[in-house]
Amino acid sequence: DLELHLQRCQQLSVTVLTDHQDLSSTELKTITNSTAPQQYRIRAKLRTYKPQKLHQSVKLHCSKCNSLQEVPDRDNFDFILHGSAGTTPNPELHNTSWYESVTWTTQEQKQREVAIHFVKHDEMLQHPEDTLIMIEGGTLKEIWKLTKRFKCVIPVRSTEDDLELLDLSAPFLLKGNVKYYGCKQCSTPKPMKNLSSIAAEQQPSWEPTEIAQVLGIELLQYVFIMKFTLVDETGSLNAYLFDY
């Protein structure tokens, strides 16, 4: 458990933070006065680390524009879904050559019309665990239920001409318990009909990278980031951890 380990590091007077046993220890003052890149072994105290809560270390990174952003929270996704639920599914977009559609009206007081589009392969429906579905008007709870049964779920809404992705503040794709996001700055979202090219493949894999590519989405990657402030008797040094 990293959090426990970091707490122990703070309690120890001296902690070896790197493992270059073949190198002698270098003072932090020498390191800060050196030009990069170099490789050092240090003996230092851990003064502080950020963020304090481990889950806050996870960010979304765009490799194209190099931007970092917070992972949107559940409430944000819920809000976007509620907004799209007010749009009635366009029946003219149902049951095309590459997907089959099912619609129903919910029984709750404020009725919703929900549509699910099952993407076909060779004009046949596949097993649920191999199937990509698109859903209009669904709630967060309904979508999570569908992710347990189907391979991939894409929340969409109707336009006059085609189905389209929701706001990119929401995940454009859900697979298992993972939400996939696109970069708002670098993406140029395309209509859902572009997915038909994957459906026509001999064995559609429905991999997020391929889906993102045909839909014009620059895929954001989850990264782990932390900042450590290290000190010895000669000075202090900020160390950054950045990893996929």
Protein backbone atom coordinates (compact mmCIF):
# COMPACT_ATOMS: atom_id res chain seq x y z
CA ASP A 1 0.00 0.00 0.00
CA LEU A 2 1.77 3.16 -1.22
CA GLU A 3 0.05 5.48 1.24
CA LEU A 4 1.23 3.40 4.21
CA HIS A 5 4.71 3.20 2.71
CA LEU A 6 4.86 6.98 2.34
CA GLN A 7 3.75 7.44 5.96
CA ARG A 8 6.54 5.12 7.09
CA CYS A 9 9.01 7.08 4.94
CA GLN A 10 8.05 10.26 6.77
CA GLN A 11 8.61 8.57 10.15
CA LEU A 12 12.14 7.37 9.30
CA SER A 13 15.01 9.79 9.77
CA VAL A 14 16.78 8.64 6.60
CA THR A 15 15.29 6.70 3.67
CA VAL A 16 17.04 5.34 0.60
CA LEU A 17 14.72 6.33 -2.24
CA THR A 18 16.66 4.93 -5.20
CA ASP A 19 18.43 1.66 -5.79
CA HIS A 20 21.68 2.46 -7.58
CA GLN A 21 23.87 0.54 -5.14
CA ASP A 22 26.88 0.91 -7.46
CA LEU A 23 26.80 4.71 -7.06
CA SER A 24 27.97 6.64 -4.01
CA SER A 25 25.43 8.99 -2.39
CA THR A 26 25.28 12.51 -3.80
CA GLU A 27 24.19 15.60 -1.86
CA LEU A 28 21.02 17.30 -3.11
CA LYS A 29 22.87 20.62 -3.51
CA THR A 30 25.21 18.96 -6.04
CA ILE A 31 22.26 17.54 -7.96
CA THR A 32 20.42 20.88 -8.20
CA ASN A 33 23.62 22.49 -9.55
CA SER A 34 24.12 19.79 -12.19
CA THR A 35 22.84 19.68 -15.74
CA ALA A 36 20.33 16.98 -16.69
CA PRO A 37 20.22 14.16 -17.50
CA GLN A 38 22.32 12.46 -14.80
CA GLN A 39 21.90 9.40 -12.62
CA TYR A 40 22.38 9.68 -8.88
CA ARG A 41 21.90 7.75 -5.69
CA ILE A 42 20.65 9.86 -2.79
CA ARG A 43 20.01 9.55 0.92
CA ALA A 44 17.28 12.00 1.94
CA LYS A 45 14.27 12.60 4.11
CA LEU A 46 10.81 12.81 2.58
CA ARG A 47 9.47 16.16 3.75
CA THR A 48 6.12 16.20 1.89
CA TYR A 49 4.26 14.46 -0.89
CA LYS A 50 1.31 15.54 -3.01
CA PRO A 51 -1.49 14.74 -3.46
CA GLN A 52 -2.24 13.55 0.06
CA LYS A 53 -4.99 11.20 -1.09
CA LEU A 54 -3.81 8.49 -3.43
CA HIS A 55 -6.90 8.52 -5.71
CA GLN A 56 -6.18 12.17 -6.54
CA SER A 57 -2.94 11.06 -8.21
CA VAL A 58 -4.83 9.61 -11.17
CA LYS A 59 -5.23 12.10 -14.05
CA LEU A 60 -6.08 11.99 -17.76
CA HIS A 61 -3.27 12.77 -20.20
CA CYS A 62 -3.42 13.65 -23.91
CA SER A 63 -0.26 12.55 -25.70
CA LYS A 64 -1.03 14.88 -28.64
CA CYS A 65 -1.35 18.25 -26.86
CA ASN A 66 0.35 17.02 -23.65
CA SER A 67 -2.48 18.36 -21.49
CA LEU A 68 -3.42 16.93 -18.09
CA GLN A 69 -6.89 17.02 -16.62
CA GLU A 70 -8.84 15.70 -13.69
CA VAL A 71 -10.87 12.53 -14.14
CA PRO A 72 -14.53 13.74 -14.28
CA ASP A 73 -16.59 12.58 -11.34
CA ARG A 74 -19.72 10.45 -11.36
CA ASP A 75 -22.04 13.44 -10.85
CA ASN A 76 -20.72 15.12 -14.00
CA PHE A 77 -21.51 12.04 -16.12
CA ASP A 78 -24.94 11.75 -14.48
CA PHE A 79 -25.70 15.41 -15.31
CA ILE A 80 -24.78 14.93 -19.00
CA LEU A 81 -26.92 11.77 -19.20
CA HIS A 82 -29.91 13.57 -17.68
CA GLY A 83 -29.52 16.32 -20.29
CA SER A 84 -29.46 13.84 -23.18
CA ALA A 85 -32.44 11.91 -21.75
CA GLY A 86 -34.60 14.91 -22.65
CA THR A 87 -34.00 14.23 -26.35
CA THR A 88 -36.42 11.69 -27.84
CA PRO A 89 -34.71 8.98 -29.92
CA ASN A 90 -35.22 9.55 -33.64
CA PRO A 91 -37.13 6.48 -34.99
CA GLU A 92 -35.80 7.13 -38.50
CA LEU A 93 -32.36 6.13 -37.23
CA HIS A 94 -33.48 2.74 -35.92
CA ASN A 95 -32.75 -0.69 -37.43
CA THR A 96 -30.12 0.05 -40.05
CA SER A 97 -28.03 -2.41 -42.05
CA TRP A 98 -25.38 -2.53 -39.31
CA TYR A 99 -27.36 -2.31 -36.04
CA GLU A 100 -30.68 -3.50 -34.64
CA SER A 101 -32.72 -1.22 -32.36
CA VAL A 102 -34.99 -1.80 -29.37
CA THR A 103 -36.95 0.99 -27.64
CA TRP A 104 -39.10 1.20 -24.54
CA THR A 105 -40.67 3.79 -22.25
CA THR A 106 -39.80 3.69 -18.56
CA GLN A 107 -42.56 3.30 -15.97
CA GLU A 108 -41.29 6.02 -13.62
CA GLN A 109 -43.27 9.21 -12.99
CA LYS A 110 -41.19 11.28 -15.39
CA GLN A 111 -41.21 8.83 -18.29
CA ARG A 112 -38.13 8.40 -20.42
CA GLU A 113 -37.82 6.87 -23.83
CA VAL A 114 -34.77 4.63 -24.05
CA ALA A 115 -33.26 3.12 -27.20
CA ILE A 116 -30.55 0.50 -27.43
CA HIS A 117 -28.82 -0.19 -30.75
CA PHE A 118 -27.09 -3.57 -31.02
CA VAL A 119 -24.28 -3.51 -33.58
CA LYS A 120 -24.48 -6.51 -35.92
CA HIS A 121 -21.77 -8.52 -37.66
CA ASP A 122 -22.50 -10.15 -41.02
CA GLU A 123 -26.12 -8.98 -40.51
CA MET A 124 -26.31 -11.17 -37.38
CA LEU A 125 -26.39 -10.27 -33.70
CA GLN A 126 -23.35 -11.57 -31.84
CA HIS A 127 -23.09 -13.01 -28.33
CA PRO A 128 -23.53 -10.21 -25.75
CA GLU A 129 -19.91 -10.54 -24.56
CA ASP A 130 -18.76 -9.77 -28.13
CA THR A 131 -21.30 -7.02 -28.86
CA LEU A 132 -20.97 -3.26 -28.93
CA ILE A 133 -24.18 -1.40 -28.08
CA MET A 134 -25.19 2.25 -28.27
CA ILE A 135 -27.72 3.62 -25.78
CA GLU A 136 -29.91 6.72 -25.88
CA GLY A 137 -31.72 8.10 -22.84
CA GLY A 138 -30.17 5.70 -20.32
CA THR A 139 -29.28 6.51 -16.72
CA LEU A 140 -25.90 5.87 -15.14
CA LYS A 141 -27.29 2.87 -13.26
CA GLU A 142 -28.73 1.36 -16.46
CA ILE A 143 -25.47 1.90 -18.34
CA TRP A 144 -23.41 0.19 -15.63
CA LYS A 145 -25.77 -2.79 -15.74
CA LEU A 146 -25.25 -3.04 -19.51
CA THR A 147 -21.45 -2.91 -19.18
CA LYS A 148 -21.62 -6.09 -17.10
CA ARG A 149 -23.35 -7.93 -19.95
CA PHE A 150 -22.04 -6.42 -23.19
CA LYS A 151 -18.47 -5.92 -24.40
CA CYS A 152 -18.69 -2.16 -25.01
CA VAL A 153 -21.30 0.53 -24.37
CA ILE A 154 -21.39 3.93 -26.08
CA PRO A 155 -23.84 6.60 -24.81
CA VAL A 156 -25.30 8.49 -27.80
CA ARG A 157 -28.05 10.88 -28.81
CA SER A 158 -30.07 11.35 -32.01
CA THR A 159 -29.67 14.10 -34.54
CA GLU A 160 -31.73 14.46 -37.72
CA ASP A 161 -29.20 12.48 -39.75
CA ASP A 162 -27.29 10.16 -37.42
CA LEU A 163 -26.44 9.09 -33.92
CA GLU A 164 -23.69 11.11 -32.27
CA LEU A 165 -21.53 11.07 -29.15
CA LEU A 166 -22.46 13.08 -26.08
CA ASP A 167 -20.36 15.94 -24.73
CA LEU A 168 -16.73 14.79 -24.40
CA SER A 169 -16.86 15.67 -20.70
CA ALA A 170 -18.61 12.30 -20.51
CA PRO A 171 -16.86 9.04 -21.36
CA PHE A 172 -17.35 8.24 -25.05
CA LEU A 173 -17.01 4.51 -24.33
CA LEU A 174 -17.45 2.15 -21.38
CA LYS A 175 -15.84 -1.27 -21.36
CA GLY A 176 -16.17 -3.40 -18.25
CA ASN A 177 -15.57 -1.04 -15.34
CA VAL A 178 -13.31 1.30 -17.33
CA LYS A 179 -14.48 4.66 -18.69
CA TYR A 180 -12.68 5.99 -21.77
CA TYR A 181 -12.43 9.73 -22.42
CA GLY A 182 -11.47 11.84 -25.43
CA CYS A 183 -9.50 15.08 -25.51
CA LYS A 184 -11.86 18.00 -26.16
CA GLN A 185 -9.08 20.04 -27.76
CA CYS A 186 -7.67 17.41 -30.14
CA SER A 187 -10.78 15.36 -31.01
CA THR A 188 -13.03 15.92 -34.02
CA PRO A 189 -16.01 13.66 -33.24
CA LYS A 190 -17.54 11.86 -36.23
CA PRO A 191 -21.03 10.32 -36.59
CA MET A 192 -21.61 6.80 -35.28
CA LYS A 193 -22.03 5.42 -38.82
CA ASN A 194 -18.23 5.35 -38.96
CA LEU A 195 -18.37 2.36 -36.61
CA SER A 196 -19.85 0.29 -39.43
CA SER A 197 -16.33 -0.10 -40.86
CA ILE A 198 -15.26 -2.01 -37.72
CA ALA A 199 -18.50 -4.05 -37.72
CA ALA A 200 -17.63 -5.14 -41.27
CA GLU A 201 -14.27 -6.59 -40.20
CA GLN A 202 -13.88 -10.35 -40.18
CA GLN A 203 -13.58 -10.48 -36.38
CA PRO A 204 -14.45 -7.11 -34.81
CA SER A 205 -12.37 -6.70 -31.66
CA TRP A 206 -14.02 -3.47 -30.50
CA GLU A 207 -10.77 -2.24 -29.02
CA PRO A 208 -11.03 1.30 -27.55
CA THR A 209 -8.07 2.58 -29.61
CA GLU A 210 -9.67 1.44 -32.88
CA ILE A 211 -13.10 2.78 -31.89
CA ALA A 212 -11.54 6.13 -30.94
CA GLN A 213 -9.72 6.33 -34.27
CA VAL A 214 -12.80 5.78 -36.47
CA LEU A 215 -14.85 8.20 -34.35
CA GLY A 216 -12.24 10.96 -34.59
CA ILE A 217 -11.41 10.83 -30.88
CA GLU A 218 -7.96 11.52 -29.45
CA LEU A 219 -7.94 8.99 -26.63
CA LEU A 220 -6.93 10.22 -23.17
CA GLN A 221 -4.77 7.90 -21.10
CA TYR A 222 -4.96 7.40 -17.34
CA VAL A 223 -1.70 8.45 -15.71
CA PHE A 224 -0.39 8.34 -12.15
CA ILE A 225 1.32 11.50 -10.91
CA MET A 226 2.92 12.37 -7.59
CA LYS A 227 5.30 15.06 -6.32
CA PHE A 228 7.80 14.37 -3.54
CA THR A 229 9.88 17.01 -1.73
CA LEU A 230 13.17 15.47 -0.58
CA VAL A 231 15.59 17.15 1.85
CA ASP A 232 19.06 16.60 3.24
CA GLU A 233 21.42 18.91 5.15
CA THR A 234 22.49 20.63 1.90
CA GLY A 235 19.12 21.51 0.36
CA SER A 236 15.82 20.27 -1.06
CA LEU A 237 14.71 18.68 -4.31
CA ASN A 238 11.32 18.14 -5.93
CA ALA A 239 10.92 14.69 -7.49
CA TYR A 240 8.03 13.88 -9.82
CA LEU A 241 6.55 10.49 -10.59
CA PHE A 242 4.64 10.18 -13.87
CA ASP A 243 3.61 6.79 -15.19
CA TYR A 244 0.86 5.15 -17.26
